[in-house]
Each structure stands twice: as C-alpha cells, then as structure tokens.
Protein backbone atom coordinates (compact mmCIF):
# COMPACT_ATOMS: atom_id res chain seq x y z
CA MET A 1 127.36 84.59 88.15
CA THR A 2 129.38 86.62 85.64
CA ASP A 3 131.45 89.69 86.47
CA ARG A 4 129.09 91.79 84.36
CA GLU A 5 126.05 90.61 86.35
CA THR A 6 127.89 91.30 89.61
CA ARG A 7 128.76 94.84 88.48
CA THR A 8 125.16 95.41 87.42
CA GLY A 9 123.91 94.13 90.77
CA LEU A 10 126.34 96.37 92.62
CA LEU A 11 125.25 99.45 90.65
CA HIS A 12 121.57 98.64 91.21
CA ALA A 13 122.12 98.12 94.96
CA LEU A 14 124.05 101.37 95.26
CA GLY A 15 121.29 103.17 93.37
CA ALA A 16 118.61 101.77 95.66
CA TYR A 17 120.41 102.60 98.88
CA LEU A 18 121.47 106.08 97.72
CA ILE A 19 117.86 106.94 96.84
CA TRP A 20 116.66 105.57 100.19
CA GLY A 21 119.40 107.53 101.93
CA LEU A 22 118.20 110.78 100.32
CA LEU A 23 114.53 110.25 101.20
CA PRO A 24 114.74 112.24 104.48
CA LEU A 25 115.91 115.25 102.46
CA TYR A 26 113.09 114.69 99.97
CA PHE A 27 110.41 114.46 102.66
CA LYS A 28 111.90 117.47 104.42
CA LEU A 29 110.96 119.47 101.32
CA LEU A 30 107.37 118.32 101.93
CA GLY A 31 107.37 119.58 105.52
CA ASP A 32 104.36 121.86 104.92
CA VAL A 33 102.18 118.87 103.96
CA SER A 34 100.79 116.61 106.70
CA PRO A 35 102.49 113.17 106.94
CA LEU A 36 99.16 111.39 106.32
CA HIS A 37 98.62 113.34 103.11
CA VAL A 38 102.20 112.69 101.98
CA LEU A 39 101.66 108.98 102.60
CA SER A 40 98.38 109.02 100.68
CA HIS A 41 99.98 110.67 97.67
CA ARG A 42 102.97 108.31 97.91
CA ILE A 43 100.64 105.31 97.70
CA LEU A 44 98.51 106.61 94.84
CA TRP A 45 101.38 107.84 92.67
CA SER A 46 103.33 104.64 93.34
CA LEU A 47 100.33 102.67 92.14
CA LEU A 48 100.07 104.73 88.96
CA PHE A 49 103.79 104.32 88.24
CA LEU A 50 103.70 100.57 88.91
CA LEU A 51 100.64 100.11 86.70
CA LEU A 52 102.55 101.79 83.88
CA ILE A 53 105.54 99.48 84.36
CA VAL A 54 103.38 96.35 84.53
CA ALA A 55 101.50 97.44 81.39
CA VAL A 56 104.76 97.93 79.49
CA LEU A 57 106.06 94.54 80.65
CA ARG A 58 102.66 92.89 80.06
CA ARG A 59 102.70 91.28 83.49
CA PHE A 60 99.06 91.71 84.53
CA GLY A 61 98.18 88.07 83.79
CA THR A 62 101.00 86.52 85.83
CA ILE A 63 100.46 88.90 88.76
CA ARG A 64 96.71 88.22 88.77
CA ALA A 65 97.38 84.48 88.77
CA ALA A 66 99.83 84.73 91.67
CA ALA A 67 97.84 87.16 93.88
CA ARG A 68 95.11 84.91 95.19
CA GLY A 69 94.34 82.78 98.23
CA ARG A 70 97.11 82.62 100.84
CA VAL A 71 99.32 84.98 98.83
CA LEU A 72 96.64 87.67 98.88
CA LEU A 73 96.16 87.32 102.65
CA ILE A 74 99.89 87.68 103.27
CA LEU A 75 100.04 90.72 101.00
CA CYS A 76 97.19 92.30 103.01
CA ALA A 77 99.34 92.04 106.12
CA SER A 78 102.50 93.25 104.36
CA ALA A 79 100.58 96.23 102.94
CA VAL A 80 99.60 97.32 106.45
CA LEU A 81 103.19 96.92 107.67
CA ILE A 82 104.78 98.92 104.85
CA SER A 83 102.19 101.70 105.21
CA VAL A 84 102.94 101.95 108.94
CA ASN A 85 106.67 102.03 108.17
CA TRP A 86 106.25 104.75 105.54
CA LEU A 87 103.98 106.87 107.77
CA VAL A 88 106.29 106.74 110.81
CA ASN A 89 109.30 107.53 108.63
CA ILE A 90 107.56 110.54 107.06
CA TRP A 91 106.35 111.69 110.50
CA ALA A 92 109.87 111.38 111.93
CA VAL A 93 111.28 113.63 109.19
CA ALA A 94 108.51 116.20 109.65
CA ASN A 95 109.06 116.28 113.42
CA ALA A 96 112.89 116.44 113.50
CA ARG A 97 113.28 112.81 114.58
CA VAL A 98 115.50 111.59 111.73
CA LEU A 99 118.20 110.40 114.18
CA GLU A 100 115.82 107.95 115.84
CA ALA A 101 114.55 106.85 112.43
CA SER A 102 118.07 106.13 111.19
CA ILE A 103 118.82 104.12 114.33
CA GLY A 104 115.75 102.02 113.58
CA TYR A 105 117.13 101.10 110.16
CA PHE A 106 120.58 100.45 111.65
CA MET A 107 119.05 97.87 113.98
CA ASN A 108 116.93 96.29 111.24
CA PRO A 109 119.44 93.55 110.24
CA LEU A 110 119.57 92.13 113.77
CA VAL A 111 115.79 92.44 114.09
CA ASN A 112 115.68 90.19 111.02
CA VAL A 113 117.93 87.71 112.81
CA ALA A 114 115.73 87.77 115.91
CA LEU A 115 112.61 87.21 113.80
CA GLY A 116 114.32 84.32 112.05
CA VAL A 117 114.99 82.67 115.41
CA LEU A 118 111.59 83.39 116.96
CA VAL A 119 109.35 82.88 113.93
CA LEU A 120 111.21 80.64 111.49
CA ARG A 121 112.94 78.64 114.26
CA GLU A 122 116.35 79.25 112.71
CA ARG A 123 119.35 78.36 114.85
CA ILE A 124 122.16 80.79 115.51
CA ARG A 125 125.59 80.27 117.01
CA PRO A 126 126.59 81.68 120.42
CA VAL A 127 128.61 84.54 118.90
CA GLN A 128 125.59 85.54 116.80
CA ALA A 129 123.42 85.45 119.93
CA MET A 130 125.92 87.83 121.54
CA ALA A 131 125.55 90.12 118.51
CA VAL A 132 121.79 90.27 118.98
CA GLY A 133 122.39 90.93 122.68
CA LEU A 134 124.57 93.94 121.87
CA ALA A 135 121.81 95.39 119.71
CA ALA A 136 119.32 94.76 122.51
CA ALA A 137 121.63 96.64 124.88
CA GLY A 138 121.59 99.54 122.41
CA VAL A 139 117.80 99.55 122.44
CA LEU A 140 117.84 99.53 126.27
CA ALA A 141 120.30 102.43 126.30
CA LEU A 142 118.00 104.45 124.05
CA ALA A 143 115.02 103.66 126.27
CA LEU A 144 116.83 104.64 129.46
CA GLY A 145 118.35 107.72 127.83
CA GLY A 146 114.97 109.21 127.03
CA GLY A 147 115.13 108.87 123.24
CA ALA A 148 112.01 108.32 121.16
CA LEU A 149 112.38 104.55 121.28
CA TRP A 150 108.99 103.92 119.70
CA ILE A 151 110.16 105.46 116.41
CA SER A 152 113.25 103.25 116.13
CA LEU A 153 111.43 100.10 117.21
CA THR A 154 108.38 100.71 115.02
CA LEU A 155 110.54 101.24 111.94
CA ALA A 156 112.82 98.28 112.65
CA VAL A 157 110.07 95.81 113.60
CA SER A 158 107.61 96.86 110.88
CA PHE A 159 110.25 96.60 108.15
CA GLY A 160 111.58 93.36 109.64
CA LEU A 161 108.12 91.78 109.66
CA TYR A 162 107.49 93.15 106.17
CA GLY A 163 110.66 91.50 104.92
CA LEU A 164 109.70 88.25 106.64
CA LEU A 165 106.30 88.16 104.95
CA ARG A 166 107.77 89.05 101.56
CA LYS A 167 110.33 86.28 102.06
CA VAL A 168 107.65 83.60 102.37
CA VAL A 169 105.05 84.91 99.92
CA ALA A 170 105.10 83.39 96.44
CA ILE A 171 105.15 86.54 94.30
CA ASP A 172 107.94 88.71 92.92
CA ALA A 173 108.85 92.23 94.07
CA LEU A 174 107.02 94.06 91.28
CA GLY A 175 103.83 92.04 91.60
CA GLY A 176 103.84 92.19 95.38
CA LEU A 177 104.33 95.95 95.50
CA LEU A 178 101.61 96.48 92.90
CA VAL A 179 99.09 94.43 94.89
CA GLU A 180 100.06 96.14 98.15
CA THR A 181 99.59 99.64 96.74
CA LEU A 182 96.36 98.54 95.06
CA MET A 183 95.02 97.46 98.46
CA LEU A 184 96.09 100.69 100.13
CA ALA A 185 94.86 102.96 97.32
CA PRO A 186 91.16 103.15 98.40
CA VAL A 187 92.18 104.27 101.90
CA ALA A 188 94.66 106.81 100.52
CA ALA A 189 92.09 108.17 98.07
CA GLY A 190 89.52 108.34 100.88
CA VAL A 191 91.86 110.37 103.08
CA LEU A 192 92.45 112.93 100.32
CA ALA A 193 88.77 113.04 99.31
CA PHE A 194 87.65 113.57 102.92
CA SER A 195 90.20 116.35 103.35
CA ALA A 196 89.02 118.11 100.20
CA ALA A 197 85.33 117.69 101.14
CA THR A 198 85.83 119.17 104.61
CA GLY A 199 87.73 122.21 103.41
CA GLY A 200 91.17 120.78 104.04
CA GLN A 201 94.15 120.70 101.73
CA ALA A 202 94.41 117.51 99.68
CA TRP A 203 97.42 118.78 97.70
CA GLY A 204 100.51 120.74 98.62
CA GLY A 205 99.21 124.24 97.99
CA SER A 206 101.87 125.19 95.43
CA MET A 207 103.14 123.87 92.11
CA ARG A 208 106.47 122.89 93.69
CA LEU A 209 104.87 120.85 96.45
CA ASP A 210 102.36 119.29 94.06
CA ALA A 211 105.19 118.19 91.78
CA LEU A 212 107.10 116.72 94.72
CA LEU A 213 104.01 114.81 95.86
CA ALA A 214 103.46 113.39 92.37
CA PHE A 215 107.12 112.39 92.05
CA SER A 216 106.98 110.54 95.38
CA GLY A 217 105.61 107.54 93.52
CA VAL A 218 108.75 107.33 91.42
CA VAL A 219 111.14 107.69 94.37
CA THR A 220 109.19 104.96 96.16
CA ALA A 221 109.02 102.39 93.37
CA ILE A 222 112.41 102.83 91.66
CA PRO A 223 114.65 101.86 94.64
CA LEU A 224 112.46 98.85 95.43
CA LEU A 225 112.78 97.61 91.85
CA LEU A 226 116.54 98.29 91.84
CA PHE A 227 116.86 96.39 95.11
CA ALA A 228 114.96 93.41 93.73
CA SER A 229 117.30 93.36 90.72
CA ALA A 230 120.39 93.59 92.95
CA ALA A 231 119.17 90.80 95.22
CA ARG A 232 119.14 88.41 92.26
CA ARG A 233 122.72 89.28 91.26
CA LEU A 234 124.66 89.78 94.51
CA ARG A 235 125.60 87.60 97.43
CA TYR A 236 123.47 88.15 100.50
CA THR A 237 126.50 89.24 102.54
CA THR A 238 127.39 91.93 100.00
CA LEU A 239 123.82 93.20 100.00
CA GLY A 240 123.80 93.16 103.80
CA LEU A 241 126.89 95.35 104.06
CA LEU A 242 125.60 97.85 101.50
CA GLN A 243 122.34 98.36 103.38
CA TYR A 244 124.08 100.56 105.96
CA ILE A 245 124.53 103.28 103.32
CA ALA A 246 120.95 104.55 103.68
CA PRO A 247 120.76 104.94 107.51
CA ALA A 248 124.29 106.38 107.57
CA MET A 249 123.22 109.04 105.05
CA ALA A 250 120.06 109.76 107.06
CA PHE A 251 122.10 110.05 110.27
CA ALA A 252 124.50 112.52 108.61
CA GLN A 253 121.63 114.60 107.21
CA ALA A 254 119.99 114.78 110.64
CA VAL A 255 123.16 116.11 112.25
CA PHE A 256 124.71 118.30 109.56
CA LEU A 257 121.71 119.50 107.53
CA PHE A 258 118.70 119.40 109.86
CA GLY A 259 120.54 120.46 113.02
CA GLU A 260 119.10 117.73 115.25
CA PRO A 261 120.96 117.56 118.59
CA LEU A 262 123.41 114.64 118.72
CA ARG A 263 122.87 113.45 122.29
CA PRO A 264 125.37 111.00 123.84
CA VAL A 265 122.68 108.31 124.11
CA TYR A 266 122.39 108.24 120.32
CA LEU A 267 126.11 107.59 119.97
CA VAL A 268 126.02 104.85 122.61
CA THR A 269 123.01 103.21 121.00
CA LEU A 270 124.51 103.40 117.52
CA ALA A 271 127.86 102.04 118.73
CA LEU A 272 126.24 99.02 120.38
CA ILE A 273 124.04 98.25 117.36
CA CYS A 274 126.92 98.61 114.88
CA ALA A 275 129.15 96.46 117.10
CA GLY A 276 126.46 93.78 117.12
CA CYS A 277 126.08 93.91 113.33
CA ALA A 278 129.86 93.77 112.84
CA LEU A 279 130.16 90.80 115.22
CA TYR A 280 127.37 88.95 113.44
CA ALA A 281 128.90 89.61 110.01
CA TRP A 282 132.36 88.50 111.20
CA ASP A 283 131.01 85.25 112.64
CA SER A 284 129.03 84.53 109.47
CA VAL A 285 132.07 85.04 107.23
CA ARG A 286 134.28 83.01 109.57
CA ALA A 287 131.79 80.12 109.59
CA ALA A 288 131.50 80.19 105.79
CA ARG A 289 135.26 80.03 105.35
CA ALA A 290 135.57 77.23 107.90
CA SER A 291 132.98 75.14 106.05
CA GLY A 292 134.68 75.78 102.71
CA GLY A 293 131.62 77.55 101.28
CA GLY A 294 131.81 80.68 99.18
CA LYS A 295 128.92 82.45 100.86
CA ALA A 296 128.35 83.63 104.35
CA VAL A 297 125.47 82.34 106.39
CA ALA A 298 122.48 84.57 105.70
C-alpha cells in the first residue's frame, strides 16, 4: 500500500464519516415531512443516482451476473435491514431522539464483535469479552435509566446485521446497494402513490423541501461509495477508529443545536460503551504487536 493510496483512503473515510455525521442536521431540515415519506424519497432518489453511476461505469452486466441465487436472497434481507435502520434514524431526528440514535452507532462496533462470536463463531480473548461486557452494562444503564433503549438497540443491531450480511455476500458495495434500492423502490413508490391518491402529501410542499428530498439520494449514496473506497485502502483498525466521528458529531448536534436534554444516564451509557470500545481496541493492538504483525485483530 503506497502513501498516496493511504492518503486517498484517509480522505475518503473522513468524507464518508463527515457526511454521515451531518445527516441529523440534514434530516432536521426535513422535519415537516413524515419519516416514511423521507425514507421513500431517499430510496427512490438513491436508486436514480446509483443507476446513473452504474451506467457511466458500464457495470450493469457484472452486477446482473453477481445478483442471483444465494446473493439475491441475502440482499433481500440486507435491504430490509438497511431500510429499518434508515427509517428509525430519520424518525429519531424528527422526534428529538438524536442522543439515543448516536448512542446506537457508538455501540455498533461491539455489536459487530458480539455478532462475530455468536454467528460466525469467532473467538475473542478475555479482555475483549470484558469490553463487550462494558458495552452491555451501558445498554443496561440506559434501560434502567428510562432512555429510549429501543432506538439505540434497533440502530446498532440492524446496522450490525446489515454489515454481517454484506460481509458474506459476494458482490461489491456499488452493486449491492443498487440491488437493495431496486428491491425497495416498488414499496417506496407505492407509499408515495398511495399518499397522493388519498389526498396526502407525497412531496415536501415547498421548493426547498422538494429539493432536499431529491438530494437525499446523493447524500445517501456518496458516503457509502466513499466508505467502500476507503475500506480497500486503509487498515481495519484505522477505519474502526475513524467511525466514531459520525456519532460524536450527531451527539454534539443533539446537545448544542437541537437542545435535547443531556440526562446523566446518557453520559453513563456513553462512558461505558466508549470504555469498552477503547479496551477492545487496546487489546487488539497489543495482541498484534505481540505477534509481530502489522495489523490489529479485526
């Protein structure tokens, strides 16, 4: 890996996480549109944008060849998971629950570890098990403290399972996302058509909101493509550390811009989850150095 490729990967990763970190602010601007309608537009405009990219790259043939049989079944499941994740995230922003949403993405790395152990039968060391235990204690604190635990858990588990499925499916990021949005598009179009037919509002009701809805496809697809590029160029440990940029930005927006109350239970939960992530990262780096390898254990 050359220094130039590493720098490119770093810039792409930063771009992806900065865009993801600003999404709560973006969806806050769409607060007058129902979350289901925002999701529907997000799916349809993402599909249009991805079709344009695939046409320019002339990738339809390779994607069509890959998206069949077992791959197609897995992508059906991943499409459902990512749509649930997007809907809950949009709903959380619209209902002043960005703090709980950010906590869900903070806990996501250790959810991935837990899924690796439970589903992929991966083995972890005792210190790493303690790290997962700290995160679990954070989840328990949120539950006992009366926070909206279902938001954090739904976001963390849905994105964790989504990542697990995309890890094992034999198709690249662009092709997988195109197929997923293609599967979701009929439902999204049906939601908007039903709303229009029953006298509801299928669009935003103003030129500003309509433009924001249309641009949601770009802000959905671009960070995913940047992330896929970064993943090919950076070490997994580097990518893992950078992923905290987005939930940290969302947490700050919730407190300083949206005025959500910062209850003590949120700080306790976040402290336990971050301590678990830090402990896991430290043990991974320590083990890599002890074995003489250049990369931490993913």
